[in-house]
Amino acid sequence: MPRIICLLLLVIVISIPSAAAVNLIPGSSGSASISQGDPVYIRGIATGHPQVGLQIWFIGHNFVKISNVQVNDDNSYKYELKKADTANLASGQYFVLIQHPMMNGQFDVTYDASSGTVNDARTGKALYKLTGSESLQSTDAATALMQAIGSQNIDDTFASVSFYVSPPTVAFNQIGDKSPGDKFTINGTTNLAAGDDLMVEIYSSSFVPTSKTQSSGFSGVSGMVKVVSGSGGMNAWSFDVDTSTFAPDEYLVKVSGVQQDVTASSRFNVLCGGSGGTCGVPLMTSTVTTVPTVTTTPVITTLSDTPVMSSTTIPATTQSAPVPVAICLGSITLVFLIRRYT
């Protein structure tokens, strides 16, 4: 009975949350997902206030870390797997086992670093190989440890929890087209820890740098949001958007981690009448140069009282052949003689 009571109290979680870290509750069901580089806190309560503290086993693929944590005066305990520890973890499943020494006040199952074996401290017998050549890996090693501590011949008890490690990821939910003046929320999922910061940037895809004296025509917004607890092993993030000042255009959305090296992007359109409503801002402004139409106005001139129609447009003419000089001189002489004798 005392063993059962201690086991139950061992897995009670402290309600104080920790920002920007994954909190694991030994004895809880399900597995959490964390990103490489996120710290992990193991929290709980252990009755009996064991003088030797609690022994914490972290077991994963090619990874073993065994530590000791002391129990506080209020029977609470907390252990942190630091950012530097998780940053280099390979992707995969990891197991955490919290070992309580129980009534005899000593750990009956121990690890010998020199041989890489897990031993029965009462008899000195090696139970199985945890590290080194021919050692058990990951799930098999964790299962063997649970069986050893859970043996009816061992006074100790334990609680366990598992988690998955993967590279940092950020994903978008579908955004869709919008109209100027729409108010909506962009959201998505991530495996970053609750409390981590994300920078969200939204800007027009047609934005280009300009000189100081020119108008940039920039439309967009940016801001910081925090990751919140989600479901299904993933956390969530969201960012509220008001397009009242957005010109119709295609908009790019970039989300990047502040503590973590992770980036994702998406896009959406702000269209006139895209989701109802009107739009008084043109999608694209251009300058059109027009050439005025020339109207031909007739001009009337008088020569020898004979009206002649002419215009500002003069048609091309064909040059006439020249008149021979001899003919011209002959014509002049003939006119002179006729006038003389008449």
Protein backbone atom coordinates (compact mmCIF):
# COMPACT_ATOMS: atom_id res chain seq x y z
CA MET A 1 0.00 0.00 0.00
CA PRO A 2 2.72 2.58 0.86
CA ARG A 3 4.33 1.82 -2.50
CA ILE A 4 1.08 2.53 -4.36
CA ILE A 5 0.52 5.78 -2.45
CA CYS A 6 4.04 7.01 -3.24
CA LEU A 7 3.63 6.06 -6.89
CA LEU A 8 0.41 8.05 -7.16
CA LEU A 9 1.91 11.10 -5.49
CA LEU A 10 5.03 10.81 -7.59
CA VAL A 11 3.09 11.63 -10.76
CA ILE A 12 1.07 14.62 -9.50
CA VAL A 13 2.01 17.64 -11.60
CA ILE A 14 2.70 21.06 -10.14
CA SER A 15 0.28 23.57 -11.61
CA ILE A 16 2.83 26.38 -12.09
CA PRO A 17 3.52 26.56 -15.85
CA SER A 18 6.91 27.24 -17.36
CA ALA A 19 7.14 29.57 -20.34
CA ALA A 20 8.96 28.54 -23.49
CA ALA A 21 9.47 24.95 -22.34
CA VAL A 22 7.78 21.58 -22.60
CA ASN A 23 6.36 20.34 -19.29
CA LEU A 24 6.25 16.56 -18.94
CA ILE A 25 4.17 14.82 -16.31
CA PRO A 26 5.53 11.39 -15.36
CA GLY A 27 2.69 8.90 -15.38
CA SER A 28 0.54 10.86 -17.84
CA SER A 29 -0.86 9.19 -20.94
CA GLY A 30 0.16 10.14 -24.45
CA SER A 31 3.41 11.56 -25.81
CA ALA A 32 4.40 15.18 -26.26
CA SER A 33 6.20 16.52 -29.32
CA ILE A 34 9.06 18.95 -28.94
CA SER A 35 11.43 20.63 -31.33
CA GLN A 36 15.18 20.38 -31.17
CA GLY A 37 16.45 23.20 -28.97
CA ASP A 38 13.40 23.46 -26.73
CA PRO A 39 14.02 22.80 -23.01
CA VAL A 40 12.00 20.13 -21.24
CA TYR A 41 10.83 20.26 -17.62
CA ILE A 42 10.00 17.16 -15.60
CA ARG A 43 7.76 18.13 -12.65
CA GLY A 44 5.92 16.30 -9.91
CA ILE A 45 5.60 15.44 -6.22
CA ALA A 46 7.38 12.60 -4.40
CA THR A 47 6.31 11.72 -0.86
CA GLY A 48 8.58 10.39 1.83
CA HIS A 49 11.19 13.06 1.07
CA PRO A 50 13.92 10.55 0.08
CA GLN A 51 17.34 11.70 1.25
CA VAL A 52 19.04 10.37 -1.88
CA GLY A 53 16.55 12.22 -4.08
CA LEU A 54 15.10 10.78 -7.27
CA GLN A 55 16.95 9.17 -10.17
CA ILE A 56 15.95 10.33 -13.67
CA TRP A 57 16.68 8.20 -16.71
CA PHE A 58 16.50 9.67 -20.24
CA ILE A 59 16.70 7.00 -22.90
CA GLY A 60 16.53 7.39 -26.69
CA HIS A 61 18.27 6.38 -29.90
CA ASN A 62 22.01 6.41 -29.11
CA PHE A 63 21.24 8.64 -26.13
CA VAL A 64 21.32 7.95 -22.39
CA LYS A 65 21.38 10.57 -19.66
CA ILE A 66 21.05 9.63 -15.98
CA SER A 67 20.71 12.38 -13.39
CA ASN A 68 19.71 12.90 -9.79
CA VAL A 69 17.26 15.52 -8.57
CA GLN A 70 16.53 16.49 -4.99
CA VAL A 71 13.02 16.70 -3.55
CA ASN A 72 12.01 20.06 -2.09
CA ASP A 73 10.63 20.57 1.45
CA ASP A 74 7.09 20.56 0.05
CA ASN A 75 7.82 17.19 -1.65
CA SER A 76 7.91 18.81 -5.09
CA TYR A 77 10.66 18.23 -7.62
CA LYS A 78 11.65 19.72 -10.96
CA TYR A 79 14.28 18.69 -13.44
CA GLU A 80 15.25 20.52 -16.62
CA LEU A 81 16.58 18.93 -19.77
CA LYS A 82 18.30 22.04 -21.11
CA LYS A 83 18.16 23.58 -24.56
CA ALA A 84 21.76 22.48 -25.16
CA ASP A 85 20.72 18.90 -24.40
CA THR A 86 17.77 18.77 -26.81
CA ALA A 87 19.40 20.81 -29.61
CA ASN A 88 21.55 17.83 -30.62
CA LEU A 89 19.00 15.07 -30.09
CA ALA A 90 18.24 12.99 -33.15
CA SER A 91 14.65 12.84 -34.33
CA GLY A 92 12.67 10.07 -32.68
CA GLN A 93 11.03 8.91 -29.46
CA TYR A 94 12.58 9.39 -26.02
CA PHE A 95 11.61 7.88 -22.68
CA VAL A 96 11.87 9.45 -19.22
CA LEU A 97 11.73 7.28 -16.11
CA ILE A 98 11.62 8.75 -12.57
CA GLN A 99 12.94 6.25 -9.98
CA HIS A 100 11.94 6.52 -6.29
CA PRO A 101 14.10 4.59 -3.73
CA MET A 102 11.08 3.82 -1.53
CA MET A 103 11.31 2.37 2.00
CA ASN A 104 14.95 1.31 2.19
CA GLY A 105 16.09 4.78 1.04
CA GLN A 106 18.46 3.51 -1.65
CA PHE A 107 18.29 2.75 -5.33
CA ASP A 108 18.17 -0.98 -5.92
CA VAL A 109 18.64 -0.65 -9.68
CA THR A 110 21.70 1.37 -10.75
CA TYR A 111 23.84 2.14 -13.79
CA ASP A 112 27.57 1.33 -13.99
CA ALA A 113 29.20 3.76 -16.45
CA SER A 114 32.44 1.76 -16.58
CA SER A 115 30.73 -1.38 -17.92
CA GLY A 116 27.65 0.27 -19.48
CA THR A 117 25.39 -2.13 -17.62
CA VAL A 118 22.25 -1.75 -15.50
CA ASN A 119 22.78 -3.68 -12.28
CA ASP A 120 20.87 -5.10 -9.34
CA ALA A 121 22.56 -3.17 -6.50
CA ARG A 122 21.58 -5.79 -3.91
CA THR A 123 23.33 -8.65 -5.67
CA GLY A 124 25.73 -6.77 -7.97
CA LYS A 125 24.37 -8.74 -10.90
CA ALA A 126 24.30 -7.09 -14.33
CA LEU A 127 20.75 -7.08 -15.64
CA TYR A 128 21.38 -5.87 -19.20
CA LYS A 129 23.68 -3.68 -21.31
CA LEU A 130 22.47 -0.06 -21.64
CA THR A 131 25.43 1.58 -23.40
CA GLY A 132 28.35 0.46 -25.51
CA SER A 133 28.60 -2.50 -27.86
CA GLU A 134 25.72 -5.00 -27.90
CA SER A 135 23.58 -2.64 -25.81
CA LEU A 136 19.82 -2.41 -26.01
CA GLN A 137 18.42 0.58 -27.88
CA SER A 138 15.60 3.03 -27.23
CA THR A 139 12.31 1.19 -26.65
CA ASP A 140 13.96 -2.12 -25.71
CA ALA A 141 16.26 -0.40 -23.20
CA ALA A 142 13.40 1.54 -21.61
CA THR A 143 11.22 -1.58 -21.40
CA ALA A 144 14.02 -3.58 -19.77
CA LEU A 145 14.53 -0.82 -17.18
CA MET A 146 10.83 -0.72 -16.32
CA GLN A 147 10.80 -4.49 -15.89
CA ALA A 148 13.87 -4.37 -13.65
CA ILE A 149 12.56 -1.65 -11.32
CA GLY A 150 9.05 -3.11 -11.38
CA SER A 151 10.26 -6.54 -10.29
CA GLN A 152 8.63 -7.83 -7.09
CA ASN A 153 12.11 -8.38 -5.70
CA ILE A 154 12.99 -4.68 -6.06
CA ASP A 155 11.85 -2.20 -3.43
CA ASP A 156 11.97 0.82 -5.80
CA THR A 157 9.08 2.25 -7.79
CA PHE A 158 8.91 4.52 -10.85
CA ALA A 159 6.75 6.68 -13.10
CA SER A 160 7.47 7.29 -16.78
CA VAL A 161 6.58 9.50 -19.73
CA SER A 162 7.73 9.70 -23.34
CA PHE A 163 8.16 12.46 -25.89
CA TYR A 164 9.07 12.85 -29.55
CA VAL A 165 11.83 15.10 -30.86
CA SER A 166 11.83 16.53 -34.36
CA PRO A 167 13.36 19.53 -36.17
CA PRO A 168 11.52 22.82 -35.55
CA THR A 169 8.47 23.19 -37.79
CA VAL A 170 5.84 25.87 -38.43
CA ALA A 171 2.80 25.34 -40.67
CA PHE A 172 -0.07 27.48 -41.98
CA ASN A 173 -3.76 26.80 -42.15
CA GLN A 174 -5.39 27.89 -45.42
CA ILE A 175 -5.86 31.66 -45.69
CA GLY A 176 -7.92 32.33 -48.87
CA ASP A 177 -8.61 35.56 -50.79
CA LYS A 178 -9.74 38.70 -48.97
CA SER A 179 -11.25 42.12 -49.75
CA PRO A 180 -9.98 45.52 -48.57
CA GLY A 181 -11.36 46.11 -45.09
CA ASP A 182 -11.64 42.43 -44.14
CA LYS A 183 -10.62 41.44 -40.61
CA PHE A 184 -9.47 37.86 -40.17
CA THR A 185 -6.98 35.62 -38.35
CA ILE A 186 -4.02 33.78 -39.83
CA ASN A 187 -3.19 30.68 -37.81
CA GLY A 188 -1.29 27.43 -37.92
CA THR A 189 0.53 24.75 -35.96
CA THR A 190 4.06 24.23 -34.69
CA ASN A 191 6.07 21.83 -32.59
CA LEU A 192 7.75 24.74 -30.80
CA ALA A 193 7.09 24.89 -27.08
CA ALA A 194 4.19 26.90 -25.68
CA GLY A 195 5.57 30.32 -24.80
CA ASP A 196 8.07 30.47 -27.67
CA ASP A 197 7.93 33.66 -29.76
CA LEU A 198 7.15 33.87 -33.48
CA MET A 199 7.61 36.91 -35.72
CA VAL A 200 4.84 37.34 -38.32
CA GLU A 201 5.44 39.62 -41.32
CA ILE A 202 2.89 40.46 -44.03
CA TYR A 203 3.87 42.60 -47.01
CA SER A 204 2.82 43.30 -50.58
CA SER A 205 4.57 41.17 -53.18
CA SER A 206 4.97 44.27 -55.40
CA PHE A 207 6.86 46.16 -52.70
CA VAL A 208 10.28 47.36 -53.88
CA PRO A 209 12.80 49.71 -52.23
CA THR A 210 12.59 53.36 -53.34
CA SER A 211 14.51 56.57 -52.77
CA LYS A 212 13.75 58.76 -49.75
CA THR A 213 11.82 61.23 -51.91
CA GLN A 214 9.57 58.58 -53.47
CA SER A 215 6.48 56.95 -52.07
CA SER A 216 7.11 53.25 -51.49
CA GLY A 217 3.51 52.14 -51.93
CA PHE A 218 4.05 49.65 -49.10
CA SER A 219 1.08 47.78 -47.64
CA GLY A 220 1.41 45.28 -44.82
CA VAL A 221 1.86 44.69 -41.11
CA SER A 222 4.11 42.74 -38.73
CA GLY A 223 4.08 41.65 -35.11
CA MET A 224 5.14 39.12 -32.50
CA VAL A 225 2.95 36.27 -31.26
CA LYS A 226 3.45 33.49 -28.71
CA VAL A 227 2.96 29.79 -29.27
CA VAL A 228 0.07 28.39 -27.22
CA SER A 229 -0.76 24.85 -26.16
CA GLY A 230 -2.48 22.81 -28.83
CA SER A 231 -3.72 19.27 -29.32
CA GLY A 232 -2.61 16.09 -31.02
CA GLY A 233 0.99 16.61 -29.94
CA MET A 234 1.25 19.97 -31.75
CA ASN A 235 0.95 23.53 -30.45
CA ALA A 236 -0.74 26.48 -32.16
CA TRP A 237 -0.17 30.13 -33.14
CA SER A 238 -2.39 32.89 -34.54
CA PHE A 239 -2.13 36.48 -35.82
CA ASP A 240 -5.00 38.95 -36.33
CA VAL A 241 -5.06 40.97 -39.56
CA ASP A 242 -7.03 44.11 -40.54
CA THR A 243 -6.83 44.89 -44.28
CA SER A 244 -8.36 48.39 -44.02
CA THR A 245 -5.08 49.94 -45.16
CA PHE A 246 -4.16 47.20 -47.65
CA ALA A 247 -4.15 48.05 -51.36
CA PRO A 248 -5.39 45.27 -53.65
CA ASP A 249 -2.41 43.03 -54.36
CA GLU A 250 -0.87 39.66 -53.60
CA TYR A 251 0.50 39.50 -50.03
CA LEU A 252 3.31 37.34 -48.70
CA VAL A 253 3.19 36.02 -45.12
CA LYS A 254 6.41 34.99 -43.38
CA VAL A 255 6.56 33.36 -39.94
CA SER A 256 9.92 32.85 -38.26
CA GLY A 257 11.06 31.61 -34.88
CA VAL A 258 12.79 33.98 -32.46
CA GLN A 259 14.40 31.40 -30.19
CA GLN A 260 14.51 28.72 -32.88
CA ASP A 261 15.85 28.68 -36.43
CA VAL A 262 12.63 27.95 -38.31
CA THR A 263 10.77 29.79 -41.09
CA ALA A 264 7.60 29.20 -43.09
CA SER A 265 5.73 31.27 -45.67
CA SER A 266 2.36 31.51 -47.35
CA ARG A 267 0.40 34.05 -49.42
CA PHE A 268 -3.04 35.45 -50.05
CA ASN A 269 -4.71 38.01 -52.32
CA VAL A 270 -6.61 41.17 -51.46
CA LEU A 271 -9.06 41.59 -54.34
CA CYS A 272 -11.84 44.02 -55.19
CA GLY A 273 -15.02 42.10 -54.36
CA GLY A 274 -12.94 39.07 -53.37
CA SER A 275 -15.31 38.16 -50.54
CA GLY A 276 -18.05 40.74 -51.04
CA GLY A 277 -18.02 44.52 -50.84
CA THR A 278 -16.69 47.19 -53.11
CA CYS A 279 -13.23 48.45 -53.82
CA GLY A 280 -12.35 51.98 -54.80
CA VAL A 281 -8.60 51.40 -55.09
CA PRO A 282 -7.38 50.15 -58.48
CA LEU A 283 -5.35 46.99 -58.54
CA MET A 284 -2.74 48.71 -60.73
CA THR A 285 -2.23 52.36 -61.64
CA SER A 286 -0.65 53.28 -64.99
CA THR A 287 -0.10 56.50 -66.96
CA VAL A 288 -1.64 56.62 -70.45
CA THR A 289 -0.43 59.21 -73.01
CA THR A 290 -2.97 60.13 -75.70
CA VAL A 291 -2.24 61.73 -79.08
CA PRO A 292 -4.82 64.40 -80.09
CA THR A 293 -6.75 63.87 -83.33
CA VAL A 294 -5.80 66.35 -86.06
CA THR A 295 -8.80 67.75 -87.97
CA THR A 296 -8.16 69.13 -91.47
CA THR A 297 -9.85 72.51 -91.92
CA PRO A 298 -10.43 73.68 -95.55
CA VAL A 299 -8.91 77.07 -96.49
CA ILE A 300 -10.40 79.13 -99.36
CA THR A 301 -8.16 81.42 -101.40
CA THR A 302 -9.17 83.60 -104.39
CA LEU A 303 -7.15 83.90 -107.60
CA SER A 304 -8.62 85.70 -110.62
CA ASP A 305 -12.04 85.41 -108.97
CA THR A 306 -11.82 81.62 -109.19
CA PRO A 307 -12.28 79.80 -105.90
CA VAL A 308 -9.70 77.20 -105.19
CA MET A 309 -10.11 74.62 -102.41
CA SER A 310 -6.97 73.79 -100.48
CA SER A 311 -6.21 72.17 -97.14
CA THR A 312 -3.43 71.92 -94.64
CA THR A 313 -2.75 68.49 -96.04
CA ILE A 314 -1.02 68.80 -99.39
CA PRO A 315 -1.12 65.73 -101.58
CA ALA A 316 2.02 64.67 -103.32
CA THR A 317 2.24 65.79 -107.00
CA THR A 318 4.03 64.43 -110.01
CA GLN A 319 6.52 66.83 -111.61
CA SER A 320 5.66 67.76 -115.23
CA ALA A 321 8.17 67.40 -118.01
CA PRO A 322 10.00 70.73 -118.84
CA VAL A 323 8.97 72.75 -121.97
CA PRO A 324 11.76 73.11 -124.61
CA VAL A 325 13.41 76.57 -124.59
CA ALA A 326 13.09 77.03 -128.39
CA ILE A 327 9.33 76.63 -128.24
CA CYS A 328 9.05 79.22 -125.47
CA LEU A 329 11.12 81.80 -127.48
CA GLY A 330 9.13 81.17 -130.63
CA SER A 331 5.86 81.75 -128.81
CA ILE A 332 7.04 85.10 -127.44
CA THR A 333 8.15 86.34 -130.96
CA LEU A 334 4.81 85.37 -132.51
CA VAL A 335 2.84 87.30 -129.92
CA PHE A 336 5.03 90.40 -130.47
CA LEU A 337 4.48 90.41 -134.33
CA ILE A 338 0.74 89.96 -133.96
CA ARG A 339 0.43 92.96 -131.64
CA ARG A 340 2.62 95.11 -133.97
CA TYR A 341 0.58 94.67 -137.17
CA THR A 342 -2.84 94.76 -135.76
